[in-house]
C-alpha atoms as a PDB file:
ATOM      1  CA  MET A   1     179.704  86.242  14.098  1.00  0.00           C
ATOM      2  CA  ALA A   2     177.857  85.604  17.318  1.00  0.00           C
ATOM      3  CA  ALA A   3     180.800  83.938  18.994  1.00  0.00           C
ATOM      4  CA  PRO A   4     183.094  87.014  19.163  1.00  0.00           C
ATOM      5  CA  THR A   5     180.187  89.071  20.520  1.00  0.00           C
ATOM      6  CA  ASP A   6     179.591  86.483  23.203  1.00  0.00           C
ATOM      7  CA  ARG A   7     183.262  86.498  24.095  1.00  0.00           C
ATOM      8  CA  ARG A   8     183.283  90.291  24.328  1.00  0.00           C
ATOM      9  CA  SER A   9     180.149  90.203  26.507  1.00  0.00           C
ATOM     10  CA  ALA A  10     181.669  87.572  28.742  1.00  0.00           C
ATOM     11  CA  SER A  11     184.861  89.585  28.955  1.00  0.00           C
ATOM     12  CA  SER A  12     182.920  92.750  29.741  1.00  0.00           C
ATOM     13  CA  GLY A  13     180.848  90.948  32.351  1.00  0.00           C
ATOM     14  CA  GLY A  14     183.983  89.548  33.938  1.00  0.00           C
ATOM     15  CA  ALA A  15     185.572  92.985  34.058  1.00  0.00           C
ATOM     16  CA  THR A  16     182.431  94.440  35.635  1.00  0.00           C
ATOM     17  CA  ALA A  17     182.391  91.699  38.255  1.00  0.00           C
ATOM     18  CA  ALA A  18     186.076  92.297  38.936  1.00  0.00           C
ATOM     19  CA  ARG A  19     185.422  96.009  39.423  1.00  0.00           C
ATOM     20  CA  ARG A  20     182.562  95.240  41.812  1.00  0.00           C
ATOM     21  CA  ASN A  21     184.762  92.890  43.820  1.00  0.00           C
ATOM     22  CA  ALA A  22     187.537  95.486  43.923  1.00  0.00           C
ATOM     23  CA  ALA A  23     185.047  98.106  45.129  1.00  0.00           C
ATOM     24  CA  LYS A  24     183.885  95.773  47.879  1.00  0.00           C
ATOM     25  CA  ARG A  25     187.487  95.265  48.984  1.00  0.00           C
ATOM     26  CA  ARG A  26     187.953  99.030  49.142  1.00  0.00           C
ATOM     27  CA  LEU A  27     184.977  99.472  51.484  1.00  0.00           C
ATOM     28  CA  PRO A  28     186.032 100.790  54.896  1.00  0.00           C
ATOM     29  CA  ALA A  29     185.906  98.279  57.720  1.00  0.00           C
ATOM     30  CA  GLU A  30     182.751  99.852  59.162  1.00  0.00           C
ATOM     31  CA  GLY A  31     181.083  99.685  55.732  1.00  0.00           C
ATOM     32  CA  ARG A  32     181.841  95.988  55.354  1.00  0.00           C
ATOM     33  CA  LEU A  33     180.515  95.344  58.840  1.00  0.00           C
ATOM     34  CA  ALA A  34     177.291  97.233  58.083  1.00  0.00           C
ATOM     35  CA  ARG A  35     176.887  95.285  54.844  1.00  0.00           C
ATOM     36  CA  ARG A  36     177.259  91.942  56.617  1.00  0.00           C
ATOM     37  CA  ARG A  37     174.802  93.066  59.282  1.00  0.00           C
ATOM     38  CA  GLU A  38     172.258  94.066  56.625  1.00  0.00           C
ATOM     39  CA  GLN A  39     172.661  90.722  54.877  1.00  0.00           C
ATOM     40  CA  ARG A  40     172.074  88.864  58.136  1.00  0.00           C
ATOM     41  CA  VAL A  41     168.911  90.868  58.772  1.00  0.00           C
ATOM     42  CA  LEU A  42     167.539  90.017  55.327  1.00  0.00           C
ATOM     43  CA  SER A  43     168.493  86.366  55.426  1.00  0.00           C
ATOM     44  CA  ARG A  44     167.664  85.377  58.990  1.00  0.00           C
ATOM     45  CA  GLY A  45     164.530  87.356  59.754  1.00  0.00           C
ATOM     46  CA  ALA A  46     163.196  89.079  62.864  1.00  0.00           C
ATOM     47  CA  PRO A  47     163.984  86.408  65.503  1.00  0.00           C
ATOM     48  CA  ARG A  48     167.715  86.495  64.744  1.00  0.00           C
ATOM     49  CA  VAL A  49     167.677  90.285  64.678  1.00  0.00           C
ATOM     50  CA  GLN A  50     166.237  90.427  68.198  1.00  0.00           C
ATOM     51  CA  VAL A  51     168.883  88.023  69.472  1.00  0.00           C
ATOM     52  CA  GLU A  52     171.591  90.200  67.919  1.00  0.00           C
ATOM     53  CA  GLU A  53     170.095  93.261  69.603  1.00  0.00           C
ATOM     54  CA  ILE A  54     170.374  91.548  72.976  1.00  0.00           C
ATOM     55  CA  GLN A  55     173.885  90.287  72.221  1.00  0.00           C
ATOM     56  CA  HIS A  56     174.924  93.771  71.063  1.00  0.00           C
ATOM     57  CA  SER A  57     173.699  95.329  74.314  1.00  0.00           C
ATOM     58  CA  ARG A  58     175.333  92.625  76.418  1.00  0.00           C
ATOM     59  CA  LEU A  59     178.654  93.206  74.673  1.00  0.00           C
ATOM     60  CA  LEU A  60     178.461  96.939  75.399  1.00  0.00           C
ATOM     61  CA  VAL A  61     177.920  96.172  79.086  1.00  0.00           C
ATOM     62  CA  ALA A  62     180.734  93.614  78.960  1.00  0.00           C
ATOM     63  CA  VAL A  63     183.255  95.891  77.257  1.00  0.00           C
ATOM     64  CA  ALA A  64     182.621  98.556  79.906  1.00  0.00           C
ATOM     65  CA  ALA A  65     183.069  96.153  82.821  1.00  0.00           C
ATOM     66  CA  THR A  66     186.102  94.423  81.259  1.00  0.00           C
ATOM     67  CA  ILE A  67     187.959  97.653  80.455  1.00  0.00           C
ATOM     68  CA  ASP A  68     187.222  99.028  83.918  1.00  0.00           C
ATOM     69  CA  GLU A  69     188.699  95.882  85.487  1.00  0.00           C
ATOM     70  CA  PHE A  70     191.672  95.180  83.208  1.00  0.00           C
ATOM     71  CA  GLY A  71     192.292  98.401  81.272  1.00  0.00           C
ATOM     72  CA  PHE A  72     191.978  98.753  77.503  1.00  0.00           C
ATOM     73  CA  GLU A  73     195.233  96.987  76.584  1.00  0.00           C
ATOM     74  CA  GLN A  74     194.392  93.852  78.564  1.00  0.00           C
ATOM     75  CA  SER A  75     190.723  93.754  77.553  1.00  0.00           C
ATOM     76  CA  THR A  76     190.900  91.085  74.871  1.00  0.00           C
ATOM     77  CA  VAL A  77     188.012  90.001  72.694  1.00  0.00           C
ATOM     78  CA  THR A  78     188.087  86.655  74.504  1.00  0.00           C
ATOM     79  CA  ARG A  79     187.572  88.348  77.878  1.00  0.00           C
ATOM     80  CA  ILE A  80     184.830  90.634  76.581  1.00  0.00           C
ATOM     81  CA  ALA A  81     182.952  87.793  74.860  1.00  0.00           C
ATOM     82  CA  ALA A  82     183.258  85.536  77.906  1.00  0.00           C
ATOM     83  CA  ARG A  83     181.825  88.232  80.194  1.00  0.00           C
ATOM     84  CA  ALA A  84     178.935  88.779  77.769  1.00  0.00           C
ATOM     85  CA  LYS A  85     178.441  84.984  77.454  1.00  0.00           C
ATOM     86  CA  VAL A  86     178.671  85.003  73.684  1.00  0.00           C
ATOM     87  CA  SER A  87     181.162  83.317  71.380  1.00  0.00           C
ATOM     88  CA  ARG A  88     184.119  85.053  69.744  1.00  0.00           C
ATOM     89  CA  ARG A  89     182.414  84.371  66.426  1.00  0.00           C
ATOM     90  CA  THR A  90     179.322  86.261  67.601  1.00  0.00           C
ATOM     91  CA  PHE A  91     181.521  89.137  68.747  1.00  0.00           C
ATOM     92  CA  TYR A  92     183.127  89.435  65.311  1.00  0.00           C
ATOM     93  CA  GLU A  93     179.733  89.254  63.619  1.00  0.00           C
ATOM     94  CA  LEU A  94     178.723  92.401  65.508  1.00  0.00           C
ATOM     95  CA  PHE A  95     181.997  94.316  65.865  1.00  0.00           C
ATOM     96  CA  GLU A  96     185.166  94.575  63.818  1.00  0.00           C
ATOM     97  CA  ASN A  97     187.384  94.522  66.913  1.00  0.00           C
ATOM     98  CA  ARG A  98     187.457  95.574  70.560  1.00  0.00           C
ATOM     99  CA  GLU A  99     187.929  99.234  69.669  1.00  0.00           C
ATOM    100  CA  THR A 100     184.815  99.415  67.486  1.00  0.00           C
ATOM    101  CA  CYS A 101     182.953  97.882  70.429  1.00  0.00           C
ATOM    102  CA  LEU A 102     184.322 100.593  72.735  1.00  0.00           C
ATOM    103  CA  VAL A 103     183.454 103.302  70.194  1.00  0.00           C
ATOM    104  CA  ALA A 104     179.887 101.955  70.030  1.00  0.00           C
ATOM    105  CA  LEU A 105     179.698 102.196  73.820  1.00  0.00           C
ATOM    106  CA  ILE A 106     180.975 105.779  73.767  1.00  0.00           C
ATOM    107  CA  ASP A 107     178.414 106.668  71.105  1.00  0.00           C
ATOM    108  CA  ALA A 108     175.681 105.157  73.283  1.00  0.00           C
ATOM    109  CA  VAL A 109     176.876 107.223  76.261  1.00  0.00           C
ATOM    110  CA  VAL A 110     176.837 110.421  74.181  1.00  0.00           C
ATOM    111  CA  GLU A 111     173.308 109.639  72.944  1.00  0.00           C
ATOM    112  CA  ARG A 112     172.050 109.204  76.497  1.00  0.00           C
ATOM    113  CA  VAL A 113     173.653 112.472  77.622  1.00  0.00           C
ATOM    114  CA  GLU A 114     172.140 114.244  74.622  1.00  0.00           C
ATOM    115  CA  ARG A 115     168.692 112.971  75.589  1.00  0.00           C
ATOM    116  CA  ASP A 116     169.212 114.270  79.132  1.00  0.00           C
ATOM    117  CA  LEU A 117     170.262 117.661  77.748  1.00  0.00           C
ATOM    118  CA  GLU A 118     167.213 117.791  75.523  1.00  0.00           C
ATOM    119  CA  ALA A 119     164.968 116.913  78.461  1.00  0.00           C
ATOM    120  CA  ALA A 120     166.536 119.731  80.500  1.00  0.00           C
ATOM    121  CA  GLY A 121     164.843 122.292  78.215  1.00  0.00           C
ATOM    122  CA  LEU A 122     167.838 124.542  77.621  1.00  0.00           C
ATOM    123  CA  GLU A 123     166.795 125.822  74.203  1.00  0.00           C
ATOM    124  CA  GLY A 124     166.035 129.553  74.149  1.00  0.00           C
ATOM    125  CA  LEU A 125     167.879 130.329  77.393  1.00  0.00           C
ATOM    126  CA  GLU A 126     170.653 132.895  77.542  1.00  0.00           C
ATOM    127  CA  TRP A 127     174.183 131.584  77.132  1.00  0.00           C
ATOM    128  CA  ARG A 128     175.122 131.484  80.825  1.00  0.00           C
ATOM    129  CA  GLU A 129     171.967 129.565  81.773  1.00  0.00           C
ATOM    130  CA  ARG A 130     172.442 127.096  78.915  1.00  0.00           C
ATOM    131  CA  VAL A 131     176.024 126.447  79.996  1.00  0.00           C
ATOM    132  CA  ARG A 132     175.059 126.028  83.651  1.00  0.00           C
ATOM    133  CA  GLY A 133     172.106 123.761  82.872  1.00  0.00           C
ATOM    134  CA  GLY A 134     174.140 121.696  80.432  1.00  0.00           C
ATOM    135  CA  LEU A 135     177.034 121.301  82.854  1.00  0.00           C
ATOM    136  CA  TRP A 136     174.630 120.236  85.598  1.00  0.00           C
ATOM    137  CA  ALA A 137     173.028 117.620  83.313  1.00  0.00           C
ATOM    138  CA  ILE A 138     176.416 116.197  82.303  1.00  0.00           C
ATOM    139  CA  LEU A 139     177.736 116.055  85.883  1.00  0.00           C
ATOM    140  CA  SER A 140     174.466 114.454  87.003  1.00  0.00           C
ATOM    141  CA  PHE A 141     174.789 111.749  84.363  1.00  0.00           C
ATOM    142  CA  LEU A 142     178.416 111.008  85.235  1.00  0.00           C
ATOM    143  CA  GLU A 143     177.490 110.842  88.911  1.00  0.00           C
ATOM    144  CA  ARG A 144     174.543 108.531  88.191  1.00  0.00           C
ATOM    145  CA  GLU A 145     176.597 106.220  85.929  1.00  0.00           C
ATOM    146  CA  PRO A 146     180.032 105.914  87.587  1.00  0.00           C
ATOM    147  CA  LEU A 147     181.210 103.037  85.371  1.00  0.00           C
ATOM    148  CA  LEU A 148     180.319 104.882  82.171  1.00  0.00           C
ATOM    149  CA  ALA A 149     181.954 107.999  83.614  1.00  0.00           C
ATOM    150  CA  ARG A 150     185.217 106.121  84.160  1.00  0.00           C
ATOM    151  CA  ILE A 151     185.074 104.615  80.662  1.00  0.00           C
ATOM    152  CA  TRP A 152     184.534 107.949  78.904  1.00  0.00           C
ATOM    153  CA  VAL A 153     186.684 110.220  81.072  1.00  0.00           C
ATOM    154  CA  VAL A 154     189.509 107.890  82.169  1.00  0.00           C
ATOM    155  CA  HIS A 155     189.815 104.738  80.065  1.00  0.00           C
ATOM    156  CA  ALA A 156     189.027 106.302  76.673  1.00  0.00           C
ATOM    157  CA  LEU A 157     192.362 108.135  76.912  1.00  0.00           C
ATOM    158  CA  HIS A 158     194.108 104.773  76.489  1.00  0.00           C
ATOM    159  CA  GLY A 159     192.034 103.624  73.527  1.00  0.00           C
ATOM    160  CA  GLY A 160     193.022 103.510  69.882  1.00  0.00           C
ATOM    161  CA  PRO A 161     192.770 106.230  67.230  1.00  0.00           C
ATOM    162  CA  GLN A 162     189.038 105.774  66.637  1.00  0.00           C
ATOM    163  CA  THR A 163     188.313 106.143  70.346  1.00  0.00           C
ATOM    164  CA  LEU A 164     190.471 109.234  70.659  1.00  0.00           C
ATOM    165  CA  GLU A 165     188.860 110.753  67.567  1.00  0.00           C
ATOM    166  CA  ARG A 166     185.367 110.254  69.031  1.00  0.00           C
ATOM    167  CA  ARG A 167     186.523 111.805  72.279  1.00  0.00           C
ATOM    168  CA  GLU A 168     187.972 114.836  70.507  1.00  0.00           C
ATOM    169  CA  GLN A 169     184.752 115.301  68.538  1.00  0.00           C
ATOM    170  CA  VAL A 170     182.730 115.519  71.746  1.00  0.00           C
ATOM    171  CA  LEU A 171     185.202 117.930  73.358  1.00  0.00           C
ATOM    172  CA  ALA A 172     185.123 120.117  70.242  1.00  0.00           C
ATOM    173  CA  ARG A 173     181.313 120.341  70.453  1.00  0.00           C
ATOM    174  CA  LEU A 174     181.511 121.386  74.090  1.00  0.00           C
ATOM    175  CA  ALA A 175     184.182 123.982  73.301  1.00  0.00           C
ATOM    176  CA  ALA A 176     181.997 125.414  70.531  1.00  0.00           C
ATOM    177  CA  ILE A 177     179.209 126.015  73.044  1.00  0.00           C
ATOM    178  CA  LEU A 178     181.535 127.811  75.456  1.00  0.00           C
ATOM    179  CA  ASP A 179     183.016 129.816  72.593  1.00  0.00           C
ATOM    180  CA  GLU A 180     179.623 131.498  72.150  1.00  0.00           C
ATOM    181  CA  GLY A 181     180.523 133.404  75.319  1.00  0.00           C
ATOM    182  CA  ARG A 182     182.638 135.712  73.152  1.00  0.00           C
ATOM    183  CA  LEU A 183     179.367 137.432  72.187  1.00  0.00           C
ATOM    184  CA  GLU A 184     178.423 138.153  75.803  1.00  0.00           C
ATOM    185  CA  GLY A 185     180.325 141.406  76.242  1.00  0.00           C
ATOM    186  CA  PRO A 186     183.665 143.213  75.985  1.00  0.00           C
ATOM    187  CA  ARG A 187     185.491 140.753  78.234  1.00  0.00           C
ATOM    188  CA  GLY A 188     184.275 137.770  76.240  1.00  0.00           C
ATOM    189  CA  ALA A 189     185.301 139.418  72.993  1.00  0.00           C
ATOM    190  CA  GLU A 190     188.915 139.224  74.151  1.00  0.00           C
ATOM    191  CA  CYS A 191     188.730 135.424  74.352  1.00  0.00           C
ATOM    192  CA  THR A 192     189.503 132.985  71.540  1.00  0.00           C
ATOM    193  CA  LEU A 193     188.506 129.430  70.676  1.00  0.00           C
ATOM    194  CA  VAL A 194     191.607 128.305  72.562  1.00  0.00           C
ATOM    195  CA  THR A 195     190.049 129.825  75.693  1.00  0.00           C
ATOM    196  CA  ALA A 196     187.023 127.577  75.314  1.00  0.00           C
ATOM    197  CA  GLU A 197     189.172 124.545  74.578  1.00  0.00           C
ATOM    198  CA  GLY A 198     191.259 125.237  77.667  1.00  0.00           C
ATOM    199  CA  LEU A 199     188.171 125.560  79.866  1.00  0.00           C
ATOM    200  CA  VAL A 200     186.743 122.271  78.577  1.00  0.00           C
ATOM    201  CA  GLY A 201     190.090 120.558  79.115  1.00  0.00           C
ATOM    202  CA  GLY A 202     190.427 122.046  82.598  1.00  0.00           C
ATOM    203  CA  ALA A 203     186.940 120.966  83.657  1.00  0.00           C
ATOM    204  CA  LEU A 204     187.541 117.490  82.273  1.00  0.00           C
ATOM    205  CA  GLY A 205     190.849 117.322  84.125  1.00  0.00           C
ATOM    206  CA  VAL A 206     189.107 118.046  87.436  1.00  0.00           C
ATOM    207  CA  VAL A 207     186.522 115.313  86.796  1.00  0.00           C
ATOM    208  CA  TYR A 208     189.295 112.935  85.670  1.00  0.00           C
ATOM    209  CA  ALA A 209     191.194 113.461  88.916  1.00  0.00           C
ATOM    210  CA  ARG A 210     188.071 112.718  90.970  1.00  0.00           C
ATOM    211  CA  LEU A 211     187.269 109.526  89.060  1.00  0.00           C
ATOM    212  CA  ARG A 212     190.882 108.339  88.831  1.00  0.00           C
ATOM    213  CA  SER A 213     191.438 108.643  92.569  1.00  0.00           C
ATOM    214  CA  GLY A 214     188.155 106.984  93.512  1.00  0.00           C
ATOM    215  CA  ASP A 215     186.930 110.143  95.248  1.00  0.00           C
ATOM    216  CA  ARG A 216     183.313 109.451  96.225  1.00  0.00           C
ATOM    217  CA  ARG A 217     182.195 113.050  96.650  1.00  0.00           C
ATOM    218  CA  PRO A 218     179.292 113.944  94.324  1.00  0.00           C
ATOM    219  CA  LEU A 219     180.467 115.259  90.973  1.00  0.00           C
ATOM    220  CA  THR A 220     177.586 117.740  90.993  1.00  0.00           C
ATOM    221  CA  ASP A 221     179.380 119.523  93.862  1.00  0.00           C
ATOM    222  CA  LEU A 222     181.806 120.778  91.194  1.00  0.00           C
ATOM    223  CA  LEU A 223     179.131 122.817  89.427  1.00  0.00           C
ATOM    224  CA  ASP A 224     179.649 126.162  91.189  1.00  0.00           C
ATOM    225  CA  GLU A 225     183.439 126.122  90.959  1.00  0.00           C
ATOM    226  CA  LEU A 226     183.466 125.107  87.295  1.00  0.00           C
ATOM    227  CA  MET A 227     180.847 127.701  86.409  1.00  0.00           C
ATOM    228  CA  GLY A 228     182.826 130.314  88.309  1.00  0.00           C
ATOM    229  CA  MET A 229     185.897 129.410  86.259  1.00  0.00           C
ATOM    230  CA  ILE A 230     183.928 129.755  83.002  1.00  0.00           C
ATOM    231  CA  ALA A 231     182.185 132.992  83.996  1.00  0.00           C
ATOM    232  CA  LEU A 232     185.477 134.569  85.066  1.00  0.00           C
ATOM    233  CA  GLN A 233     186.868 134.272  81.540  1.00  0.00           C
ATOM    234  CA  TYR A 234     183.829 135.562  79.677  1.00  0.00           C
ATOM    235  CA  LEU A 235     181.924 137.753  82.150  1.00  0.00           C
ATOM    236  CA  GLY A 236     184.442 138.894  84.776  1.00  0.00           C
ATOM    237  CA  PRO A 237     185.088 138.433  88.527  1.00  0.00           C
ATOM    238  CA  ARG A 238     181.709 139.711  89.732  1.00  0.00           C
ATOM    239  CA  ALA A 239     179.781 137.218  87.581  1.00  0.00           C
ATOM    240  CA  ALA A 240     182.159 134.457  88.681  1.00  0.00           C
ATOM    241  CA  ARG A 241     181.424 135.155  92.371  1.00  0.00           C
ATOM    242  CA  ARG A 242     177.680 135.087  91.680  1.00  0.00           C
ATOM    243  CA  GLU A 243     177.971 131.690  89.968  1.00  0.00           C
ATOM    244  CA  GLN A 244     179.865 130.286  92.953  1.00  0.00           C
ATOM    245  CA  ARG A 245     177.065 131.298  95.338  1.00  0.00           C
ATOM    246  CA  ARG A 246     174.050 130.147  93.312  1.00  0.00           C
ATOM    247  CA  PRO A 247     171.873 127.303  94.682  1.00  0.00           C
ATOM    248  CA  ALA A 248     172.048 123.951  92.909  1.00  0.00           C
ATOM    249  CA  PRO A 249     169.531 123.495  90.083  1.00  0.00           C
ATOM    250  CA  VAL A 250     166.646 121.083  90.245  1.00  0.00           C
ATOM    251  CA  PRO A 251     167.858 117.631  89.118  1.00  0.00           C
ATOM    252  CA  PRO A 252     167.168 117.217  85.400  1.00  0.00           C
ATOM    253  CA  PRO A 253     164.691 114.571  84.250  1.00  0.00           C
ATOM    254  CA  VAL A 254     166.211 111.292  83.093  1.00  0.00           C
ATOM    255  CA  ALA A 255     165.310 110.998  79.433  1.00  0.00           C
ATOM    256  CA  HIS A 256     166.385 107.446  78.667  1.00  0.00           C
ATOM    257  CA  SER A 257     164.263 104.364  79.354  1.00  0.00           C
ATOM    258  CA  PRO A 258     164.289 103.104  82.939  1.00  0.00           C
ATOM    259  CA  ARG A 259     166.835 100.282  83.034  1.00  0.00           C
ATOM    260  CA  PRO A 260     169.447  98.764  85.301  1.00  0.00           C
ATOM    261  CA  SER A 261     172.508 100.976  85.394  1.00  0.00           C
ATOM    262  CA  VAL A 262     175.445  99.775  83.334  1.00  0.00           C
ATOM    263  CA  GLY A 263     177.499 100.440  86.416  1.00  0.00           C
ATOM    264  CA  GLU A 264     175.651  97.932  88.565  1.00  0.00           C
ATOM    265  CA  GLU A 265     177.898  95.295  90.083  1.00  0.00           C
ATOM    266  CA  ARG A 266     175.397  92.514  89.419  1.00  0.00           C
ATOM    267  CA  ASP A 267     173.787  91.649  86.113  1.00  0.00           C
ATOM    268  CA  PRO A 268     171.096  88.953  86.554  1.00  0.00           C
ATOM    269  CA  LEU A 269     172.108  87.461  83.206  1.00  0.00           C
ATOM    270  CA  ASP A 270     175.500  86.598  84.740  1.00  0.00           C
ATOM    271  CA  GLU A 271     173.779  84.062  86.975  1.00  0.00           C
ATOM    272  CA  VAL A 272     172.321  82.088  84.071  1.00  0.00           C
ATOM    273  CA  ASN A 273     174.655  79.288  82.988  1.00  0.00           C
ATOM    274  CA  MET A 274     173.413  78.936  79.415  1.00  0.00           C
ATOM    275  CA  ARG A 275     173.758  80.688  76.107  1.00  0.00           C
ATOM    276  CA  LEU A 276     170.965  83.027  75.200  1.00  0.00           C
ATOM    277  CA  THR A 277     168.733  82.127  72.265  1.00  0.00           C
ATOM    278  CA  TYR A 278     165.729  83.860  70.801  1.00  0.00           C
ATOM    279  CA  ARG A 279     163.460  81.011  71.890  1.00  0.00           C
ATOM    280  CA  THR A 280     164.767  81.158  75.455  1.00  0.00           C
ATOM    281  CA  ALA A 281     164.037  84.885  75.599  1.00  0.00           C
ATOM    282  CA  ARG A 282     160.558  84.368  74.133  1.00  0.00           C
ATOM    283  CA  VAL A 283     159.755  81.591  76.629  1.00  0.00           C
ATOM    284  CA  LEU A 284     160.762  83.758  79.581  1.00  0.00           C
ATOM    285  CA  GLN A 285     158.876  86.743  78.223  1.00  0.00           C
ATOM    286  CA  GLY A 286     155.828  84.533  77.656  1.00  0.00           C
ATOM    287  CA  ALA A 287     155.912  83.373  81.268  1.00  0.00           C
ATOM    288  CA  ARG A 288     156.298  86.996  82.341  1.00  0.00           C
ATOM    289  CA  GLU A 289     153.314  88.189  80.315  1.00  0.00           C
ATOM    290  CA  HIS A 290     151.115  85.136  81.074  1.00  0.00           C
ATOM    291  CA  PRO A 291     151.739  83.891  84.637  1.00  0.00           C
ATOM    292  CA  GLY A 292     150.488  80.348  85.100  1.00  0.00           C
ATOM    293  CA  ALA A 293     150.672  79.571  81.379  1.00  0.00           C
ATOM    294  CA  SER A 294     150.704  75.956  80.250  1.00  0.00           C
ATOM    295  CA  ASN A 295     153.272  74.313  78.001  1.00  0.00           C
ATOM    296  CA  ARG A 296     151.042  74.889  74.984  1.00  0.00           C
ATOM    297  CA  GLU A 297     150.477  78.573  75.792  1.00  0.00           C
ATOM    298  CA  ILE A 298     154.208  79.142  76.287  1.00  0.00           C
ATOM    299  CA  ALA A 299     154.937  77.327  73.015  1.00  0.00           C
ATOM    300  CA  ASP A 300     152.410  79.458  71.131  1.00  0.00           C
ATOM    301  CA  HIS A 301     153.949  82.654  72.529  1.00  0.00           C
ATOM    302  CA  ALA A 302     157.481  81.536  71.658  1.00  0.00           C
ATOM    303  CA  GLY A 303     156.558  80.146  68.242  1.00  0.00           C
ATOM    304  CA  ILE A 304     157.690  76.603  69.072  1.00  0.00           C
ATOM    305  CA  GLY A 305     155.717  73.925  67.243  1.00  0.00           C
ATOM    306  CA  ASP A 306     157.335  70.831  68.775  1.00  0.00           C
ATOM    307  CA  PRO A 307     155.754  69.952  72.199  1.00  0.00           C
ATOM    308  CA  GLY A 308     158.773  67.882  73.158  1.00  0.00           C
ATOM    309  CA  GLN A 309     161.132  70.763  72.430  1.00  0.00           C
ATOM    310  CA  VAL A 310     159.229  73.287  74.523  1.00  0.00           C
ATOM    311  CA  SER A 311     158.885  70.774  77.366  1.00  0.00           C
ATOM    312  CA  LYS A 312     162.630  70.148  77.368  1.00  0.00           C
ATOM    313  CA  LEU A 313     163.385  73.890  77.352  1.00  0.00           C
ATOM    314  CA  LEU A 314     160.933  74.577  80.178  1.00  0.00           C
ATOM    315  CA  ARG A 315     162.495  71.875  82.308  1.00  0.00           C
ATOM    316  CA  ARG A 316     165.940  73.243  81.665  1.00  0.00           C
ATOM    317  CA  LEU A 317     164.870  76.740  82.696  1.00  0.00           C
ATOM    318  CA  GLU A 318     163.267  75.249  85.787  1.00  0.00           C
ATOM    319  CA  GLY A 319     166.553  73.533  86.621  1.00  0.00           C
ATOM    320  CA  LEU A 320     168.361  76.863  86.288  1.00  0.00           C
ATOM    321  CA  GLY A 321     166.019  78.430  88.829  1.00  0.00           C
ATOM    322  CA  LEU A 322     164.258  80.728  86.348  1.00  0.00           C
ATOM    323  CA  LEU A 323     160.847  78.989  86.254  1.00  0.00           C
ATOM    324  CA  GLU A 324     158.638  77.169  88.733  1.00  0.00           C
ATOM    325  CA  ASN A 325     155.788  74.802  87.902  1.00  0.00           C
ATOM    326  CA  HIS A 326     152.807  75.524  90.159  1.00  0.00           C
ATOM    327  CA  GLY A 327     150.502  73.056  88.404  1.00  0.00           C
ATOM    328  CA  LEU A 328     149.772  69.423  89.192  1.00  0.00           C
ATOM    329  CA  GLY A 329     151.292  68.372  85.868  1.00  0.00           C
ATOM    330  CA  HIS A 330     150.550  65.441  83.639  1.00  0.00           C
ATOM    331  CA  ALA A 331     150.862  62.968  86.506  1.00  0.00           C
ATOM    332  CA  GLN A 332     147.521  64.280  87.745  1.00  0.00           C
ATOM    333  CA  GLY A 333     146.112  64.842  84.276  1.00  0.00           C
ATOM    334  CA  GLU A 334     146.382  68.619  84.642  1.00  0.00           C
ATOM    335  CA  PRO A 335     148.402  71.125  82.561  1.00  0.00           C
ATOM    336  CA  ASN A 336     151.552  72.701  83.923  1.00  0.00           C
ATOM    337  CA  GLU A 337     151.355  76.252  85.299  1.00  0.00           C
ATOM    338  CA  TRP A 338     154.639  78.059  84.793  1.00  0.00           C
ATOM    339  CA  GLN A 339     155.652  81.041  86.914  1.00  0.00           C
ATOM    340  CA  LEU A 340     158.855  83.055  86.840  1.00  0.00           C
ATOM    341  CA  THR A 341     161.036  82.895  89.918  1.00  0.00           C
ATOM    342  CA  SER A 342     162.505  86.077  91.342  1.00  0.00           C
ATOM    343  CA  LEU A 343     165.682  85.542  89.310  1.00  0.00           C
ATOM    344  CA  GLY A 344     163.629  84.604  86.251  1.00  0.00           C
ATOM    345  CA  GLY A 345     161.676  87.845  86.528  1.00  0.00           C
ATOM    346  CA  GLN A 346     164.884  89.865  86.705  1.00  0.00           C
ATOM    347  CA  VAL A 347     166.325  88.070  83.672  1.00  0.00           C
ATOM    348  CA  ALA A 348     163.121  88.488  81.653  1.00  0.00           C
ATOM    349  CA  GLN A 349     163.022  92.187  82.536  1.00  0.00           C
ATOM    350  CA  ARG A 350     166.670  92.607  81.576  1.00  0.00           C
ATOM    351  CA  LEU A 351     166.129  90.905  78.217  1.00  0.00           C
ATOM    352  CA  SER A 352     163.066  93.033  77.546  1.00  0.00           C
ATOM    353  CA  VAL A 353     164.842  96.290  78.426  1.00  0.00           C
ATOM    354  CA  LEU A 354     167.957  95.511  76.411  1.00  0.00           C
ATOM    355  CA  THR A 355     165.929  94.647  73.319  1.00  0.00           C
ATOM    356  CA  ARG A 356     163.650  97.682  73.677  1.00  0.00           C
ATOM    357  CA  ASP A 357     166.539 100.095  74.147  1.00  0.00           C
ATOM    358  CA  ARG A 358     168.218  98.834  70.990  1.00  0.00           C
ATOM    359  CA  THR A 359     164.976  99.062  69.022  1.00  0.00           C
ATOM    360  CA  GLU A 360     164.274 102.620  70.202  1.00  0.00           C
ATOM    361  CA  ALA A 361     167.797 103.685  69.331  1.00  0.00           C
ATOM    362  CA  ALA A 362     167.503 102.348  65.765  1.00  0.00           C
END
């Protein structure tokens, strides 16, 4: 009698497993990607996670630079990965495709703007002051980060459906803020949500034209005219003229961590002709934190137990111009004293900032 029961149990277990497999296949692409990422975190431990954080940040920088140079259609995964100095396999471990990489960049841009808006202290102000302060913070960010401005305002229009959806979500949030102007008086009460959407689209069109043409005039110079356009609809001509004559606000504080701008032409990591590993990053950071450290001290900081391995890595980094040995060395019976070069210091700083930014954002 036990045999039929066993067969039923086996059959039931097989059906359950089949249902689980079917459910996994039905997971959205982003869900499958998150699941793989979680499995890698659990299986590979903290060192691999930190490398992935650096690779993730490098790919975001690379996708911005590649799209700005070639346009979205010609920005292949191969080009993006090559610019970031990672393999195609690494790219696909972190992103489903080039569009999910672009969407991640757009999300990062929105997060940084949101932090700037929060730092501007707009909560509790009347509607007109909140709109003016918010517009100033956004224009200031776009002016400060010209590459990110071109990606979000210009190139995102040529992205895929996910990119366009993200863009529409942000525009809808901005329109909702302007739509609160309907409560500001009789003139505002005559407006509709379409009014707010039109104002957001019009303001974006002006910024688009500036960025698309390469106009180098400060974007913050648009503040008075754009605020006049908004005030005219909700508050009337007199309020619009006042907005056009107001002095520029005090520049808002920058809320995100100090870091090289994504729009910089030169990334020090581009000058390093080697693939990044966790141990390489740890060695450079060890030399940065302990100038004059010996081979053993660097190895202890990086968690390398093999003296021959750390010696080989140090020599390679020296050959790349990232480290200098200021000690007499073993030929004189003295330990090595490793110092970062100027380029090595820039690379170590870049690695540290990229990793910290990703950790803070988590």
